[in-house]
Amino acid sequence: QRDQSANQKQNERWRAEIKEITGFEASALDLQKMKLWTELNFSDATNRRCPYTGEQINLTRLFSGEVEIEHILPFSKTLDDSLNNKTVSMRRANRDKGNRTPFEAFGNSPQGYSFAEILERAGTMPLAKRKRFAPDGYEKWLKEDKDFLARALTDTAYLSRIAREY
């Protein structure tokens, strides 16, 4: 109850900040963006940067349309839609990354990106996210959560049969 109350108070503060910046009531997606933005760097709000480009993301920019929520490990490969697999990034970096892991997309440091710097910026994030940026992040995820995909697919198949019978 204590944690739930603290989360509700935090959401109310965020709603007020978002309304002040955008002029609109905050949606659930806006609150998620705020949470992911704070996770970019818990200790220094003035140093929250896109993990891929290194561009500064302030509150105004966060809600400008230049920044979007993205899956660190591709949802199509992991079916993981949890907050541990999401971050905020610049829209163009998310487009450049595409349906690839951070290492697949930026491991060879294509023009405009440095994988070493990406890993450095990811180092300020929570451990569960940080591990997903590593060169072997997807493989580690598969080892730790390998049963997740099988369970999810089994559950989906079962629910599909029930829905068809209904």
N, C-alpha and C. Protein backbone atom coordinates (compact mmCIF):
# COMPACT_ATOMS: atom_id res chain seq x y z
N GLN A 1 0.82 -1.20 0.00
CA GLN A 1 0.00 0.00 0.00
C GLN A 1 0.87 1.26 0.00
N ARG A 2 1.97 1.19 0.76
CA ARG A 2 2.87 2.34 0.82
C ARG A 2 3.44 2.64 -0.56
N ASP A 3 3.92 1.60 -1.25
CA ASP A 3 4.48 1.77 -2.59
C ASP A 3 3.43 2.29 -3.57
N GLN A 4 2.23 1.73 -3.45
CA GLN A 4 1.15 2.15 -4.35
C GLN A 4 0.81 3.62 -4.12
N SER A 5 0.78 4.03 -2.87
CA SER A 5 0.50 5.43 -2.55
C SER A 5 1.60 6.35 -3.09
N ALA A 6 2.85 5.93 -2.94
CA ALA A 6 3.97 6.72 -3.45
C ALA A 6 3.90 6.84 -4.97
N ASN A 7 3.56 5.74 -5.64
CA ASN A 7 3.43 5.76 -7.11
C ASN A 7 2.30 6.70 -7.54
N GLN A 8 1.18 6.68 -6.81
CA GLN A 8 0.07 7.56 -7.15
C GLN A 8 0.46 9.03 -7.00
N LYS A 9 1.17 9.33 -5.92
CA LYS A 9 1.62 10.72 -5.71
C LYS A 9 2.59 11.15 -6.81
N GLN A 10 3.50 10.24 -7.18
CA GLN A 10 4.45 10.55 -8.26
C GLN A 10 3.71 10.80 -9.57
N ASN A 11 2.73 9.96 -9.86
CA ASN A 11 1.94 10.14 -11.09
C ASN A 11 1.20 11.47 -11.09
N GLU A 12 0.69 11.89 -9.94
CA GLU A 12 0.00 13.18 -9.86
C GLU A 12 0.97 14.33 -10.12
N ARG A 13 2.20 14.24 -9.58
CA ARG A 13 3.20 15.28 -9.84
C ARG A 13 3.53 15.31 -11.34
N TRP A 14 3.70 14.13 -11.92
CA TRP A 14 4.01 14.06 -13.34
C TRP A 14 2.87 14.61 -14.19
N ARG A 15 1.63 14.29 -13.81
CA ARG A 15 0.48 14.81 -14.56
C ARG A 15 0.50 16.34 -14.58
N ALA A 16 0.80 16.94 -13.44
CA ALA A 16 0.86 18.41 -13.36
C ALA A 16 1.99 18.95 -14.24
N GLU A 17 3.16 18.31 -14.20
CA GLU A 17 4.29 18.75 -15.04
C GLU A 17 3.95 18.63 -16.52
N ILE A 18 3.35 17.51 -16.89
CA ILE A 18 3.02 17.27 -18.30
C ILE A 18 1.99 18.30 -18.78
N LYS A 19 1.00 18.57 -17.94
CA LYS A 19 -0.03 19.56 -18.34
C LYS A 19 0.61 20.94 -18.51
N GLU A 20 1.55 21.27 -17.63
CA GLU A 20 2.23 22.56 -17.73
C GLU A 20 3.03 22.67 -19.03
N ILE A 21 3.66 21.59 -19.43
CA ILE A 21 4.50 21.59 -20.63
C ILE A 21 3.67 21.53 -21.91
N THR A 22 2.71 20.61 -21.93
CA THR A 22 1.97 20.37 -23.18
C THR A 22 0.64 21.12 -23.26
N GLY A 23 0.08 21.45 -22.10
CA GLY A 23 -1.24 22.07 -22.09
C GLY A 23 -2.37 21.06 -22.15
N PHE A 24 -2.02 19.78 -22.18
CA PHE A 24 -3.02 18.71 -22.26
C PHE A 24 -2.94 17.82 -21.02
N GLU A 25 -4.02 17.10 -20.77
CA GLU A 25 -4.02 16.11 -19.69
C GLU A 25 -3.11 14.95 -20.09
N ALA A 26 -2.39 14.43 -19.13
CA ALA A 26 -1.45 13.34 -19.39
C ALA A 26 -2.18 12.03 -19.63
N SER A 27 -1.73 11.31 -20.63
CA SER A 27 -2.26 9.98 -20.91
C SER A 27 -1.39 8.95 -20.19
N ALA A 28 -1.83 7.70 -20.20
CA ALA A 28 -1.03 6.62 -19.61
C ALA A 28 0.31 6.51 -20.33
N LEU A 29 0.32 6.73 -21.63
CA LEU A 29 1.56 6.68 -22.41
C LEU A 29 2.52 7.81 -22.00
N ASP A 30 1.95 8.98 -21.70
CA ASP A 30 2.78 10.10 -21.25
C ASP A 30 3.44 9.77 -19.91
N LEU A 31 2.69 9.16 -19.01
CA LEU A 31 3.25 8.78 -17.71
C LEU A 31 4.34 7.74 -17.88
N GLN A 32 4.14 6.82 -18.82
CA GLN A 32 5.16 5.82 -19.09
C GLN A 32 6.43 6.48 -19.63
N LYS A 33 6.25 7.46 -20.51
CA LYS A 33 7.40 8.20 -21.04
C LYS A 33 8.17 8.87 -19.91
N MET A 34 7.45 9.47 -18.96
CA MET A 34 8.10 10.14 -17.83
C MET A 34 8.91 9.14 -17.01
N LYS A 35 8.33 7.99 -16.75
CA LYS A 35 9.03 6.97 -15.96
C LYS A 35 10.30 6.52 -16.69
N LEU A 36 10.17 6.24 -17.97
CA LEU A 36 11.33 5.80 -18.75
C LEU A 36 12.38 6.91 -18.86
N TRP A 37 11.93 8.15 -18.94
CA TRP A 37 12.86 9.28 -19.01
C TRP A 37 13.67 9.39 -17.73
N THR A 38 13.01 9.22 -16.58
CA THR A 38 13.74 9.31 -15.31
C THR A 38 14.76 8.18 -15.20
N GLU A 39 14.46 7.03 -15.80
CA GLU A 39 15.39 5.90 -15.74
C GLU A 39 16.64 6.10 -16.60
N LEU A 40 16.63 7.08 -17.48
CA LEU A 40 17.83 7.36 -18.28
C LEU A 40 18.99 7.75 -17.38
N ASN A 41 18.68 8.44 -16.28
CA ASN A 41 19.71 8.83 -15.31
C ASN A 41 18.99 9.28 -14.05
N PHE A 42 18.88 8.38 -13.07
CA PHE A 42 18.16 8.69 -11.83
C PHE A 42 18.82 9.84 -11.07
N SER A 43 20.13 9.87 -11.06
CA SER A 43 20.84 10.80 -10.18
C SER A 43 20.99 12.21 -10.75
N ASP A 44 20.88 12.38 -12.05
CA ASP A 44 21.11 13.71 -12.64
C ASP A 44 20.09 13.99 -13.74
N ALA A 45 19.05 14.72 -13.38
CA ALA A 45 17.98 15.04 -14.34
C ALA A 45 18.47 15.92 -15.48
N THR A 46 19.58 16.60 -15.29
CA THR A 46 20.11 17.47 -16.36
C THR A 46 20.97 16.70 -17.35
N ASN A 47 21.18 15.42 -17.07
CA ASN A 47 22.02 14.61 -17.96
C ASN A 47 21.27 13.36 -18.41
N ARG A 48 20.09 13.56 -18.93
CA ARG A 48 19.31 12.45 -19.48
C ARG A 48 19.40 12.54 -20.98
N ARG A 49 20.01 11.53 -21.55
CA ARG A 49 20.33 11.54 -22.98
C ARG A 49 19.76 10.31 -23.67
N CYS A 50 19.51 10.46 -24.97
CA CYS A 50 19.12 9.32 -25.79
C CYS A 50 20.24 8.30 -25.69
N PRO A 51 19.92 7.06 -25.37
CA PRO A 51 20.99 6.06 -25.23
C PRO A 51 21.78 5.84 -26.52
N TYR A 52 21.18 6.10 -27.67
CA TYR A 52 21.84 5.81 -28.93
C TYR A 52 22.60 7.01 -29.50
N THR A 53 21.96 8.17 -29.53
CA THR A 53 22.61 9.34 -30.14
C THR A 53 23.39 10.18 -29.15
N GLY A 54 23.03 10.10 -27.88
CA GLY A 54 23.66 10.93 -26.87
C GLY A 54 23.07 12.32 -26.79
N GLU A 55 22.04 12.59 -27.58
CA GLU A 55 21.40 13.91 -27.55
C GLU A 55 20.64 14.09 -26.24
N GLN A 56 20.76 15.30 -25.70
CA GLN A 56 20.07 15.66 -24.46
C GLN A 56 18.57 15.59 -24.66
N ILE A 57 17.86 14.99 -23.71
CA ILE A 57 16.40 14.95 -23.75
C ILE A 57 15.90 15.67 -22.50
N ASN A 58 15.37 16.88 -22.70
CA ASN A 58 14.75 17.58 -21.58
C ASN A 58 13.25 17.34 -21.63
N LEU A 59 12.52 17.85 -20.64
CA LEU A 59 11.08 17.59 -20.58
C LEU A 59 10.34 18.12 -21.80
N THR A 60 10.71 19.28 -22.27
CA THR A 60 10.03 19.85 -23.44
C THR A 60 10.23 18.96 -24.66
N ARG A 61 11.45 18.50 -24.84
CA ARG A 61 11.76 17.64 -25.99
C ARG A 61 11.08 16.28 -25.86
N LEU A 62 10.96 15.80 -24.62
CA LEU A 62 10.35 14.49 -24.37
C LEU A 62 8.95 14.41 -24.96
N PHE A 63 8.22 15.53 -24.90
CA PHE A 63 6.84 15.53 -25.39
C PHE A 63 6.68 16.27 -26.72
N SER A 64 7.79 16.45 -27.43
CA SER A 64 7.75 17.21 -28.68
C SER A 64 7.44 16.36 -29.91
N GLY A 65 7.53 15.07 -29.81
CA GLY A 65 7.38 14.22 -30.98
C GLY A 65 8.72 13.75 -31.53
N GLU A 66 9.81 14.35 -31.08
CA GLU A 66 11.15 13.91 -31.50
C GLU A 66 11.58 12.66 -30.74
N VAL A 67 10.94 12.42 -29.60
CA VAL A 67 11.33 11.33 -28.71
C VAL A 67 10.18 10.33 -28.64
N GLU A 68 10.52 9.05 -28.66
CA GLU A 68 9.47 8.03 -28.57
C GLU A 68 9.94 6.87 -27.71
N ILE A 69 8.98 6.08 -27.27
CA ILE A 69 9.27 4.87 -26.50
C ILE A 69 9.70 3.80 -27.48
N GLU A 70 10.76 3.07 -27.14
CA GLU A 70 11.22 2.00 -28.02
C GLU A 70 11.60 0.77 -27.20
N HIS A 71 11.51 -0.39 -27.84
CA HIS A 71 11.90 -1.65 -27.21
C HIS A 71 13.41 -1.83 -27.39
N ILE A 72 14.12 -2.09 -26.31
CA ILE A 72 15.56 -2.29 -26.38
C ILE A 72 15.86 -3.55 -27.19
N LEU A 73 15.30 -4.67 -26.75
CA LEU A 73 15.36 -5.91 -27.55
C LEU A 73 14.05 -5.96 -28.33
N PRO A 74 14.09 -6.25 -29.62
CA PRO A 74 12.88 -6.18 -30.45
C PRO A 74 11.74 -7.02 -29.89
N PHE A 75 10.58 -6.40 -29.81
CA PHE A 75 9.39 -7.08 -29.33
C PHE A 75 9.09 -8.30 -30.20
N SER A 76 9.34 -8.20 -31.49
CA SER A 76 9.04 -9.30 -32.41
C SER A 76 9.87 -10.55 -32.09
N LYS A 77 11.04 -10.36 -31.47
CA LYS A 77 11.89 -11.50 -31.11
C LYS A 77 11.65 -11.99 -29.70
N THR A 78 11.22 -11.09 -28.81
CA THR A 78 11.12 -11.45 -27.40
C THR A 78 9.69 -11.52 -26.87
N LEU A 79 8.77 -10.86 -27.52
CA LEU A 79 7.40 -10.69 -27.03
C LEU A 79 7.39 -10.04 -25.65
N ASP A 80 8.46 -9.32 -25.32
CA ASP A 80 8.60 -8.68 -24.01
C ASP A 80 8.20 -7.21 -24.13
N ASP A 81 7.03 -6.89 -23.58
CA ASP A 81 6.52 -5.52 -23.64
C ASP A 81 6.62 -4.86 -22.26
N SER A 82 7.46 -5.41 -21.40
CA SER A 82 7.61 -4.87 -20.05
C SER A 82 8.43 -3.58 -20.07
N LEU A 83 8.35 -2.81 -18.99
CA LEU A 83 9.14 -1.59 -18.89
C LEU A 83 10.63 -1.89 -18.85
N ASN A 84 11.01 -3.08 -18.41
CA ASN A 84 12.43 -3.46 -18.41
C ASN A 84 12.99 -3.56 -19.82
N ASN A 85 12.13 -3.68 -20.80
CA ASN A 85 12.58 -3.79 -22.19
C ASN A 85 12.28 -2.52 -22.98
N LYS A 86 11.96 -1.44 -22.29
CA LYS A 86 11.64 -0.20 -22.98
C LYS A 86 12.53 0.93 -22.48
N THR A 87 12.74 1.90 -23.35
CA THR A 87 13.41 3.13 -22.99
C THR A 87 12.86 4.22 -23.91
N VAL A 88 13.29 5.45 -23.69
CA VAL A 88 12.95 6.52 -24.61
C VAL A 88 14.19 6.84 -25.43
N SER A 89 13.97 7.15 -26.70
CA SER A 89 15.09 7.49 -27.58
C SER A 89 14.61 8.48 -28.62
N MET A 90 15.56 9.07 -29.31
CA MET A 90 15.22 9.96 -30.40
C MET A 90 14.55 9.13 -31.50
N ARG A 91 13.54 9.69 -32.13
CA ARG A 91 12.79 8.97 -33.16
C ARG A 91 13.70 8.44 -34.27
N ARG A 92 14.64 9.28 -34.73
CA ARG A 92 15.50 8.83 -35.84
C ARG A 92 16.41 7.68 -35.41
N ALA A 93 16.86 7.67 -34.15
CA ALA A 93 17.70 6.57 -33.67
C ALA A 93 16.89 5.28 -33.63
N ASN A 94 15.64 5.38 -33.23
CA ASN A 94 14.78 4.21 -33.20
C ASN A 94 14.56 3.68 -34.62
N ARG A 95 14.43 4.58 -35.59
CA ARG A 95 14.28 4.16 -36.99
C ARG A 95 15.57 3.51 -37.49
N ASP A 96 16.72 4.08 -37.13
CA ASP A 96 18.00 3.50 -37.53
C ASP A 96 18.20 2.12 -36.90
N LYS A 97 17.76 1.97 -35.67
CA LYS A 97 17.90 0.68 -34.97
C LYS A 97 17.00 -0.38 -35.60
N GLY A 98 15.80 0.02 -35.94
CA GLY A 98 14.87 -0.91 -36.57
C GLY A 98 14.52 -2.08 -35.68
N ASN A 99 14.38 -3.21 -36.28
CA ASN A 99 13.96 -4.43 -35.58
C ASN A 99 15.19 -5.25 -35.19
N ARG A 100 16.17 -4.57 -34.61
CA ARG A 100 17.43 -5.23 -34.24
C ARG A 100 17.76 -4.92 -32.79
N THR A 101 18.66 -5.70 -32.22
CA THR A 101 19.16 -5.42 -30.88
C THR A 101 20.10 -4.22 -30.98
N PRO A 102 20.40 -3.56 -29.87
CA PRO A 102 21.35 -2.45 -29.94
C PRO A 102 22.69 -2.85 -30.55
N PHE A 103 23.19 -4.04 -30.22
CA PHE A 103 24.48 -4.46 -30.78
C PHE A 103 24.38 -4.74 -32.27
N GLU A 104 23.29 -5.39 -32.70
CA GLU A 104 23.12 -5.66 -34.13
C GLU A 104 23.07 -4.35 -34.92
N ALA A 105 22.40 -3.35 -34.37
CA ALA A 105 22.23 -2.09 -35.08
C ALA A 105 23.46 -1.19 -35.01
N PHE A 106 24.10 -1.14 -33.85
CA PHE A 106 25.15 -0.15 -33.63
C PHE A 106 26.50 -0.74 -33.24
N GLY A 107 26.61 -2.07 -33.19
CA GLY A 107 27.85 -2.72 -32.77
C GLY A 107 29.04 -2.37 -33.62
N ASN A 108 28.82 -2.13 -34.90
CA ASN A 108 29.92 -1.75 -35.79
C ASN A 108 30.09 -0.24 -35.84
N SER A 109 29.42 0.46 -34.93
CA SER A 109 29.47 1.92 -34.84
C SER A 109 29.27 2.59 -36.20
N PRO A 110 28.05 2.43 -36.78
CA PRO A 110 27.78 3.10 -38.06
C PRO A 110 27.89 4.61 -37.88
N GLN A 111 27.96 5.31 -38.98
CA GLN A 111 28.16 6.76 -38.95
C GLN A 111 27.17 7.44 -38.01
N GLY A 112 27.72 8.24 -37.10
CA GLY A 112 26.89 8.97 -36.17
C GLY A 112 26.64 8.25 -34.86
N TYR A 113 27.11 7.02 -34.73
CA TYR A 113 26.87 6.24 -33.52
C TYR A 113 28.18 5.63 -33.03
N SER A 114 28.34 5.54 -31.73
CA SER A 114 29.49 4.87 -31.13
C SER A 114 28.95 3.87 -30.12
N PHE A 115 29.19 2.58 -30.36
CA PHE A 115 28.63 1.57 -29.48
C PHE A 115 29.23 1.69 -28.08
N ALA A 116 30.50 2.06 -27.98
CA ALA A 116 31.12 2.24 -26.65
C ALA A 116 30.39 3.34 -25.87
N GLU A 117 30.03 4.41 -26.54
CA GLU A 117 29.30 5.49 -25.88
C GLU A 117 27.88 5.07 -25.54
N ILE A 118 27.27 4.26 -26.38
CA ILE A 118 25.93 3.74 -26.09
C ILE A 118 25.97 2.93 -24.80
N LEU A 119 26.97 2.06 -24.67
CA LEU A 119 27.11 1.25 -23.46
C LEU A 119 27.35 2.13 -22.24
N GLU A 120 28.12 3.18 -22.42
CA GLU A 120 28.39 4.11 -21.31
C GLU A 120 27.11 4.78 -20.84
N ARG A 121 26.30 5.24 -21.79
CA ARG A 121 25.02 5.88 -21.42
C ARG A 121 24.07 4.87 -20.80
N ALA A 122 24.07 3.64 -21.29
CA ALA A 122 23.21 2.61 -20.72
C ALA A 122 23.62 2.28 -19.28
N GLY A 123 24.86 2.57 -18.95
CA GLY A 123 25.37 2.30 -17.60
C GLY A 123 24.68 3.09 -16.52
N THR A 124 23.97 4.16 -16.87
CA THR A 124 23.24 4.95 -15.87
C THR A 124 21.82 4.43 -15.67
N MET A 125 21.44 3.42 -16.42
CA MET A 125 20.09 2.87 -16.34
C MET A 125 20.04 1.73 -15.32
N PRO A 126 18.83 1.31 -14.95
CA PRO A 126 18.70 0.15 -14.06
C PRO A 126 19.36 -1.09 -14.67
N LEU A 127 19.84 -1.98 -13.83
CA LEU A 127 20.58 -3.16 -14.27
C LEU A 127 19.81 -3.99 -15.30
N ALA A 128 18.52 -4.17 -15.10
CA ALA A 128 17.73 -5.01 -16.01
C ALA A 128 17.76 -4.45 -17.44
N LYS A 129 17.82 -3.14 -17.58
CA LYS A 129 17.90 -2.52 -18.90
C LYS A 129 19.33 -2.57 -19.42
N ARG A 130 20.27 -2.24 -18.55
CA ARG A 130 21.68 -2.16 -18.91
C ARG A 130 22.14 -3.47 -19.56
N LYS A 131 21.72 -4.60 -19.01
CA LYS A 131 22.14 -5.91 -19.54
C LYS A 131 21.66 -6.12 -20.97
N ARG A 132 20.55 -5.53 -21.34
CA ARG A 132 19.98 -5.73 -22.67
C ARG A 132 20.75 -4.99 -23.76
N PHE A 133 21.54 -3.99 -23.36
CA PHE A 133 22.34 -3.25 -24.33
C PHE A 133 23.65 -3.95 -24.66
N ALA A 134 24.07 -4.89 -23.84
CA ALA A 134 25.36 -5.57 -24.02
C ALA A 134 25.39 -6.33 -25.35
N PRO A 135 26.59 -6.58 -25.89
CA PRO A 135 26.68 -7.34 -27.15
C PRO A 135 25.96 -8.69 -27.09
N ASP A 136 25.98 -9.30 -25.91
CA ASP A 136 25.30 -10.60 -25.75
C ASP A 136 23.98 -10.45 -24.99
N GLY A 137 23.39 -9.26 -25.02
CA GLY A 137 22.17 -8.98 -24.27
C GLY A 137 21.01 -9.89 -24.65
N TYR A 138 20.84 -10.11 -25.94
CA TYR A 138 19.73 -10.97 -26.38
C TYR A 138 19.97 -12.42 -25.96
N GLU A 139 21.20 -12.89 -26.09
CA GLU A 139 21.52 -14.26 -25.70
C GLU A 139 21.31 -14.45 -24.19
N LYS A 140 21.74 -13.46 -23.40
CA LYS A 140 21.52 -13.55 -21.95
C LYS A 140 20.03 -13.54 -21.64
N TRP A 141 19.28 -12.72 -22.35
CA TRP A 141 17.84 -12.68 -22.14
C TRP A 141 17.24 -14.05 -22.45
N LEU A 142 17.71 -14.67 -23.53
CA LEU A 142 17.20 -15.99 -23.89
C LEU A 142 17.49 -17.02 -22.80
N LYS A 143 18.69 -16.96 -22.21
CA LYS A 143 19.03 -17.90 -21.14
C LYS A 143 18.16 -17.68 -19.92
N GLU A 144 18.01 -16.41 -19.52
CA GLU A 144 17.27 -16.11 -18.31
C GLU A 144 15.78 -16.26 -18.48
N ASP A 145 15.27 -15.93 -19.64
CA ASP A 145 13.83 -15.93 -19.87
C ASP A 145 13.42 -16.86 -21.01
N LYS A 146 14.21 -17.89 -21.25
CA LYS A 146 13.94 -18.74 -22.41
C LYS A 146 12.57 -19.39 -22.34
N ASP A 147 12.07 -19.62 -21.14
CA ASP A 147 10.76 -20.25 -21.02
C ASP A 147 9.62 -19.26 -21.26
N PHE A 148 9.94 -17.96 -21.23
CA PHE A 148 8.90 -16.95 -21.41
C PHE A 148 8.20 -17.10 -22.75
N LEU A 149 8.97 -17.21 -23.83
CA LEU A 149 8.37 -17.31 -25.16
C LEU A 149 7.50 -18.55 -25.27
N ALA A 150 8.00 -19.66 -24.79
CA ALA A 150 7.23 -20.90 -24.87
C ALA A 150 5.93 -20.78 -24.08
N ARG A 151 6.02 -20.22 -22.88
CA ARG A 151 4.82 -20.02 -22.06
C ARG A 151 3.84 -19.08 -22.74
N ALA A 152 4.36 -17.98 -23.27
CA ALA A 152 3.49 -16.99 -23.91
C ALA A 152 2.79 -17.59 -25.12
N LEU A 153 3.52 -18.34 -25.92
CA LEU A 153 2.92 -18.95 -27.10
C LEU A 153 1.90 -20.02 -26.72
N THR A 154 2.21 -20.81 -25.70
CA THR A 154 1.28 -21.83 -25.22
C THR A 154 0.01 -21.17 -24.69
N ASP A 155 0.17 -20.12 -23.88
CA ASP A 155 -0.99 -19.41 -23.34
C ASP A 155 -1.84 -18.81 -24.45
N THR A 156 -1.19 -18.24 -25.46
CA THR A 156 -1.91 -17.64 -26.57
C THR A 156 -2.68 -18.70 -27.35
N ALA A 157 -2.05 -19.84 -27.58
CA ALA A 157 -2.73 -20.92 -28.30
C ALA A 157 -3.94 -21.41 -27.50
N TYR A 158 -3.75 -21.56 -26.19
CA TYR A 158 -4.84 -22.03 -25.34
C TYR A 158 -6.00 -21.03 -25.35
N LEU A 159 -5.68 -19.75 -25.18
CA LEU A 159 -6.73 -18.73 -25.16
C LEU A 159 -7.43 -18.63 -26.52
N SER A 160 -6.70 -18.86 -27.61
CA SER A 160 -7.32 -18.84 -28.93
C SER A 160 -8.33 -19.97 -29.07
N ARG A 161 -7.99 -21.15 -28.56
CA ARG A 161 -8.94 -22.28 -28.62
C ARG A 161 -10.19 -21.99 -27.80
N ILE A 162 -10.01 -21.42 -26.61
CA ILE A 162 -11.15 -21.09 -25.75
C ILE A 162 -12.04 -20.04 -26.45
N ALA A 163 -11.40 -19.03 -27.04
CA ALA A 163 -12.17 -17.98 -27.72
C ALA A 163 -12.94 -18.57 -28.91
N ARG A 164 -12.32 -19.48 -29.64
CA ARG A 164 -13.00 -20.09 -30.79
C ARG A 164 -14.19 -20.91 -30.30
N GLU A 165 -14.03 -21.67 -29.20
CA GLU A 165 -15.14 -22.45 -28.69
C GLU A 165 -16.27 -21.56 -28.21
N TYR A 166 -15.91 -20.42 -27.63
CA TYR A 166 -16.92 -19.50 -27.14
C TYR A 166 -17.73 -18.94 -28.29
